């Protein structure tokens, strides 16, 4: 079970053991990680699961699809390393991944 490290804008960290094949959003919701609201439940029709991928992990996590990029335009303070956590599927390659939660979601 890979460890996913969620870091709040305040710096508080939440280390969560994740199940492979499940979205980062689901892992956050199942473990009450603050700042991941996920109003649409993972349907990619909102941006309330917006996160920043730590720069050391952007290549491993991969980029957003065109549809995801369109949805990220509605996020507050999107950055080049922005992703919707509902679109990131946990795999063993993500062991130790650092996911930063935007300040705007608190």
N, C-alpha and C. Protein backbone atom coordinates (compact mmCIF):
# COMPACT_ATOMS: atom_id res chain seq x y z
N UNK A 1 0.85 -1.18 0.00
CA UNK A 1 0.00 0.00 0.00
C UNK A 1 0.89 1.24 0.00
N UNK A 2 0.86 2.00 -1.08
CA UNK A 2 1.68 3.20 -1.16
C UNK A 2 1.25 4.26 -0.14
N UNK A 3 2.22 5.01 0.35
CA UNK A 3 1.95 6.12 1.25
C UNK A 3 1.75 7.38 0.40
N UNK A 4 0.63 8.06 0.62
CA UNK A 4 0.36 9.34 -0.04
C UNK A 4 0.46 10.40 1.05
N UNK A 5 1.24 11.43 0.77
CA UNK A 5 1.46 12.51 1.74
C UNK A 5 0.70 13.75 1.30
N UNK A 6 -0.36 14.07 2.03
CA UNK A 6 -1.14 15.28 1.78
C UNK A 6 -0.60 16.38 2.69
N UNK A 7 -0.32 17.54 2.12
CA UNK A 7 0.20 18.65 2.91
C UNK A 7 -0.73 19.84 2.75
N UNK A 8 -1.27 20.30 3.88
CA UNK A 8 -2.13 21.47 3.89
C UNK A 8 -1.29 22.73 3.64
N UNK A 9 -1.93 23.82 3.27
CA UNK A 9 -1.24 25.08 3.05
C UNK A 9 -0.51 25.54 4.31
N UNK A 10 -1.01 25.15 5.47
CA UNK A 10 -0.38 25.50 6.75
C UNK A 10 0.89 24.71 7.01
N UNK A 11 1.10 23.64 6.22
CA UNK A 11 2.26 22.78 6.42
C UNK A 11 1.93 21.49 7.14
N UNK A 12 0.73 21.39 7.70
CA UNK A 12 0.34 20.17 8.40
C UNK A 12 0.26 19.02 7.38
N UNK A 13 0.85 17.89 7.75
CA UNK A 13 0.91 16.74 6.85
C UNK A 13 0.02 15.62 7.33
N UNK A 14 -0.59 14.94 6.35
CA UNK A 14 -1.42 13.77 6.62
C UNK A 14 -0.88 12.63 5.75
N UNK A 15 -0.23 11.67 6.36
CA UNK A 15 0.26 10.50 5.64
C UNK A 15 -0.81 9.43 5.63
N UNK A 16 -1.16 8.96 4.46
CA UNK A 16 -2.25 8.00 4.32
C UNK A 16 -1.77 6.81 3.49
N UNK A 17 -1.99 5.60 4.01
CA UNK A 17 -1.72 4.41 3.20
C UNK A 17 -2.88 4.24 2.23
N UNK A 18 -2.54 4.13 0.96
CA UNK A 18 -3.55 4.12 -0.10
C UNK A 18 -3.64 2.77 -0.78
N UNK A 19 -4.80 2.46 -1.28
CA UNK A 19 -5.03 1.25 -2.05
C UNK A 19 -4.79 1.55 -3.53
N UNK A 20 -4.00 0.73 -4.17
CA UNK A 20 -3.75 0.91 -5.61
C UNK A 20 -5.06 0.77 -6.38
N UNK A 21 -5.19 1.59 -7.43
CA UNK A 21 -6.38 1.53 -8.27
C UNK A 21 -7.48 2.48 -7.84
N UNK A 22 -7.29 3.16 -6.73
CA UNK A 22 -8.28 4.09 -6.20
C UNK A 22 -7.77 5.52 -6.44
N UNK A 23 -8.67 6.46 -6.63
CA UNK A 23 -8.24 7.84 -6.88
C UNK A 23 -7.70 8.49 -5.61
N UNK A 24 -6.82 9.44 -5.80
CA UNK A 24 -6.28 10.22 -4.68
C UNK A 24 -7.42 10.93 -3.95
N UNK A 25 -8.43 11.39 -4.68
CA UNK A 25 -9.59 12.03 -4.07
C UNK A 25 -10.30 11.09 -3.11
N UNK A 26 -10.53 9.87 -3.53
CA UNK A 26 -11.21 8.89 -2.69
C UNK A 26 -10.40 8.59 -1.43
N UNK A 27 -9.10 8.46 -1.60
CA UNK A 27 -8.22 8.22 -0.45
C UNK A 27 -8.34 9.38 0.54
N UNK A 28 -8.34 10.62 0.02
CA UNK A 28 -8.47 11.79 0.89
C UNK A 28 -9.81 11.80 1.62
N UNK A 29 -10.89 11.54 0.90
CA UNK A 29 -12.21 11.54 1.53
C UNK A 29 -12.35 10.44 2.57
N UNK A 30 -11.87 9.25 2.24
CA UNK A 30 -11.97 8.12 3.16
C UNK A 30 -11.16 8.32 4.44
N UNK A 31 -10.18 9.22 4.39
CA UNK A 31 -9.32 9.46 5.54
C UNK A 31 -9.48 10.87 6.11
N UNK A 32 -10.58 11.54 5.76
CA UNK A 32 -10.93 12.85 6.29
C UNK A 32 -9.80 13.87 6.18
N UNK A 33 -9.12 13.85 5.03
CA UNK A 33 -8.07 14.85 4.78
C UNK A 33 -8.76 16.18 4.52
N UNK A 34 -8.44 17.21 5.31
CA UNK A 34 -9.10 18.51 5.13
C UNK A 34 -8.74 19.16 3.80
N UNK A 35 -9.71 19.90 3.24
CA UNK A 35 -9.46 20.67 2.03
C UNK A 35 -9.83 19.97 0.74
N UNK A 36 -10.13 18.68 0.80
CA UNK A 36 -10.59 17.95 -0.38
C UNK A 36 -12.10 17.77 -0.21
N UNK A 37 -12.87 18.62 -0.88
CA UNK A 37 -14.32 18.62 -0.71
C UNK A 37 -14.98 17.64 -1.66
N UNK A 38 -14.58 17.66 -2.92
CA UNK A 38 -15.09 16.72 -3.93
C UNK A 38 -16.60 16.75 -4.05
N UNK A 39 -17.14 17.93 -4.29
CA UNK A 39 -18.60 18.09 -4.40
C UNK A 39 -19.23 17.18 -5.44
N UNK A 40 -18.53 16.93 -6.55
CA UNK A 40 -19.13 16.14 -7.63
C UNK A 40 -18.86 14.64 -7.46
N UNK A 41 -18.14 14.27 -6.44
CA UNK A 41 -17.89 12.85 -6.18
C UNK A 41 -16.95 12.19 -7.16
N UNK A 42 -16.18 12.96 -7.87
CA UNK A 42 -15.21 12.40 -8.81
C UNK A 42 -15.66 12.38 -10.25
N UNK A 43 -16.73 13.09 -10.56
CA UNK A 43 -17.25 13.11 -11.93
C UNK A 43 -16.55 14.15 -12.81
N UNK A 44 -15.56 14.83 -12.27
CA UNK A 44 -14.81 15.86 -12.97
C UNK A 44 -15.73 16.96 -13.49
N UNK A 45 -16.69 17.37 -12.64
CA UNK A 45 -17.58 18.45 -13.02
C UNK A 45 -17.51 19.62 -12.04
N UNK A 46 -16.48 19.62 -11.21
CA UNK A 46 -16.20 20.75 -10.33
C UNK A 46 -14.68 20.78 -10.15
N UNK A 47 -14.20 21.64 -9.33
CA UNK A 47 -12.75 21.67 -9.09
C UNK A 47 -12.47 21.68 -7.60
N UNK A 48 -13.36 21.07 -6.82
CA UNK A 48 -13.21 21.09 -5.36
C UNK A 48 -12.30 19.99 -4.83
N UNK A 49 -11.65 19.29 -5.73
CA UNK A 49 -10.62 18.32 -5.32
C UNK A 49 -9.27 18.73 -5.90
N UNK A 50 -9.17 20.01 -6.24
CA UNK A 50 -7.96 20.59 -6.82
C UNK A 50 -6.78 20.43 -5.87
N UNK A 51 -5.66 19.99 -6.41
CA UNK A 51 -4.43 19.84 -5.63
C UNK A 51 -3.24 20.29 -6.47
N UNK A 52 -2.12 20.51 -5.79
CA UNK A 52 -0.85 20.77 -6.46
C UNK A 52 0.04 19.54 -6.26
N UNK A 53 0.60 19.07 -7.34
CA UNK A 53 1.55 17.96 -7.26
C UNK A 53 2.92 18.55 -6.96
N UNK A 54 3.58 18.01 -5.95
CA UNK A 54 4.92 18.49 -5.63
C UNK A 54 5.78 18.38 -6.88
N UNK A 55 6.59 19.41 -7.16
CA UNK A 55 7.40 19.41 -8.40
C UNK A 55 8.25 18.15 -8.61
N UNK A 56 8.71 17.54 -7.54
CA UNK A 56 9.50 16.31 -7.68
C UNK A 56 8.67 15.14 -8.19
N UNK A 57 7.36 15.26 -8.18
CA UNK A 57 6.47 14.16 -8.54
C UNK A 57 5.67 14.38 -9.82
N UNK A 58 5.80 15.55 -10.45
CA UNK A 58 4.94 15.84 -11.60
C UNK A 58 5.14 14.86 -12.76
N UNK A 59 6.36 14.46 -13.03
CA UNK A 59 6.59 13.51 -14.13
C UNK A 59 6.00 12.15 -13.82
N UNK A 60 6.15 11.69 -12.58
CA UNK A 60 5.63 10.38 -12.19
C UNK A 60 4.11 10.36 -12.21
N UNK A 61 3.49 11.42 -11.70
CA UNK A 61 2.02 11.49 -11.67
C UNK A 61 1.47 11.66 -13.09
N UNK A 62 2.16 12.44 -13.89
CA UNK A 62 1.71 12.67 -15.26
C UNK A 62 0.85 13.91 -15.37
N UNK A 63 0.57 14.28 -16.59
CA UNK A 63 -0.19 15.50 -16.85
C UNK A 63 -1.68 15.28 -16.93
N UNK A 64 -2.38 16.38 -16.95
CA UNK A 64 -3.84 16.36 -17.02
C UNK A 64 -4.30 16.19 -18.46
N UNK A 65 -5.46 15.58 -18.62
CA UNK A 65 -6.09 15.47 -19.94
C UNK A 65 -6.63 16.84 -20.33
N UNK A 66 -7.01 16.99 -21.59
CA UNK A 66 -7.59 18.26 -22.06
C UNK A 66 -8.86 18.60 -21.29
N UNK A 67 -9.69 17.60 -21.02
CA UNK A 67 -10.93 17.84 -20.27
C UNK A 67 -10.61 18.30 -18.85
N UNK A 68 -9.63 17.66 -18.22
CA UNK A 68 -9.24 18.06 -16.87
C UNK A 68 -8.67 19.49 -16.88
N UNK A 69 -7.86 19.80 -17.88
CA UNK A 69 -7.31 21.16 -17.99
C UNK A 69 -8.43 22.19 -18.10
N UNK A 70 -9.47 21.87 -18.84
CA UNK A 70 -10.63 22.76 -18.97
C UNK A 70 -11.28 22.99 -17.61
N UNK A 71 -11.43 21.92 -16.83
CA UNK A 71 -12.05 22.04 -15.52
C UNK A 71 -11.14 22.81 -14.56
N UNK A 72 -9.84 22.64 -14.69
CA UNK A 72 -8.91 23.36 -13.82
C UNK A 72 -8.96 24.86 -14.02
N UNK A 73 -9.45 25.30 -15.18
CA UNK A 73 -9.61 26.74 -15.42
C UNK A 73 -10.58 27.37 -14.44
N UNK A 74 -11.48 26.57 -13.87
CA UNK A 74 -12.44 27.09 -12.89
C UNK A 74 -11.92 27.00 -11.45
N UNK A 75 -10.76 26.42 -11.26
CA UNK A 75 -10.16 26.32 -9.93
C UNK A 75 -9.58 27.67 -9.54
N UNK A 76 -9.52 27.91 -8.24
CA UNK A 76 -8.88 29.12 -7.74
C UNK A 76 -7.38 28.89 -7.71
N UNK A 77 -6.63 29.80 -8.31
CA UNK A 77 -5.17 29.78 -8.34
C UNK A 77 -4.59 28.49 -8.95
N UNK A 78 -5.02 28.15 -10.18
CA UNK A 78 -4.39 26.99 -10.83
C UNK A 78 -2.95 27.29 -11.18
N UNK A 79 -2.13 26.26 -11.16
CA UNK A 79 -0.71 26.38 -11.46
C UNK A 79 -0.33 25.29 -12.46
N UNK A 80 0.88 25.36 -13.02
CA UNK A 80 1.29 24.31 -13.96
C UNK A 80 1.27 22.90 -13.36
N UNK A 81 1.41 22.79 -12.03
CA UNK A 81 1.41 21.49 -11.38
C UNK A 81 0.05 21.15 -10.75
N UNK A 82 -1.01 21.86 -11.17
CA UNK A 82 -2.36 21.58 -10.67
C UNK A 82 -2.91 20.31 -11.30
N UNK A 83 -3.65 19.58 -10.50
CA UNK A 83 -4.39 18.41 -10.97
C UNK A 83 -5.68 18.33 -10.17
N UNK A 84 -6.65 17.61 -10.70
CA UNK A 84 -7.83 17.23 -9.94
C UNK A 84 -7.53 15.88 -9.33
N UNK A 85 -7.64 15.79 -8.02
CA UNK A 85 -7.25 14.54 -7.35
C UNK A 85 -8.14 13.37 -7.74
N UNK A 86 -9.32 13.64 -8.28
CA UNK A 86 -10.20 12.55 -8.74
C UNK A 86 -9.65 11.88 -9.99
N UNK A 87 -8.71 12.52 -10.65
CA UNK A 87 -8.17 11.99 -11.90
C UNK A 87 -6.80 11.33 -11.73
N UNK A 88 -6.32 11.25 -10.50
CA UNK A 88 -5.03 10.61 -10.23
C UNK A 88 -5.30 9.27 -9.57
N UNK A 89 -4.89 8.21 -10.23
CA UNK A 89 -5.10 6.86 -9.70
C UNK A 89 -3.83 6.40 -9.00
N UNK A 90 -3.99 5.93 -7.78
CA UNK A 90 -2.86 5.48 -6.98
C UNK A 90 -2.28 4.20 -7.57
N UNK A 91 -0.95 4.17 -7.64
CA UNK A 91 -0.23 2.97 -8.06
C UNK A 91 1.02 2.87 -7.18
N UNK A 92 1.70 1.74 -7.26
CA UNK A 92 2.93 1.56 -6.49
C UNK A 92 3.97 2.62 -6.84
N UNK A 93 3.93 3.13 -8.06
CA UNK A 93 4.88 4.17 -8.49
C UNK A 93 4.71 5.46 -7.70
N UNK A 94 3.56 5.63 -7.04
CA UNK A 94 3.31 6.86 -6.29
C UNK A 94 3.68 6.73 -4.81
N UNK A 95 4.41 5.71 -4.44
CA UNK A 95 4.87 5.55 -3.05
C UNK A 95 5.59 6.82 -2.59
N UNK A 96 5.01 7.49 -1.57
CA UNK A 96 5.61 8.70 -1.01
C UNK A 96 5.24 9.98 -1.72
N UNK A 97 4.34 9.92 -2.70
CA UNK A 97 3.96 11.11 -3.46
C UNK A 97 3.51 12.23 -2.51
N UNK A 98 3.85 13.45 -2.88
CA UNK A 98 3.48 14.62 -2.09
C UNK A 98 2.41 15.40 -2.83
N UNK A 99 1.25 15.52 -2.19
CA UNK A 99 0.09 16.21 -2.74
C UNK A 99 -0.17 17.43 -1.84
N UNK A 100 -0.10 18.61 -2.43
CA UNK A 100 -0.31 19.84 -1.65
C UNK A 100 -1.73 20.35 -1.89
N UNK A 101 -2.38 20.74 -0.82
CA UNK A 101 -3.76 21.21 -0.90
C UNK A 101 -3.76 22.74 -0.92
N UNK A 102 -4.37 23.35 -1.92
CA UNK A 102 -4.37 24.81 -2.03
C UNK A 102 -5.01 25.49 -0.82
N UNK A 103 -4.46 26.61 -0.45
CA UNK A 103 -4.97 27.40 0.67
C UNK A 103 -6.43 27.81 0.43
N UNK A 104 -6.78 28.02 -0.83
CA UNK A 104 -8.14 28.47 -1.16
C UNK A 104 -9.21 27.45 -0.80
N UNK A 105 -8.85 26.23 -0.52
CA UNK A 105 -9.83 25.18 -0.22
C UNK A 105 -10.06 25.01 1.28
N UNK A 106 -9.54 25.93 2.07
CA UNK A 106 -9.76 25.87 3.51
C UNK A 106 -10.63 27.01 3.96
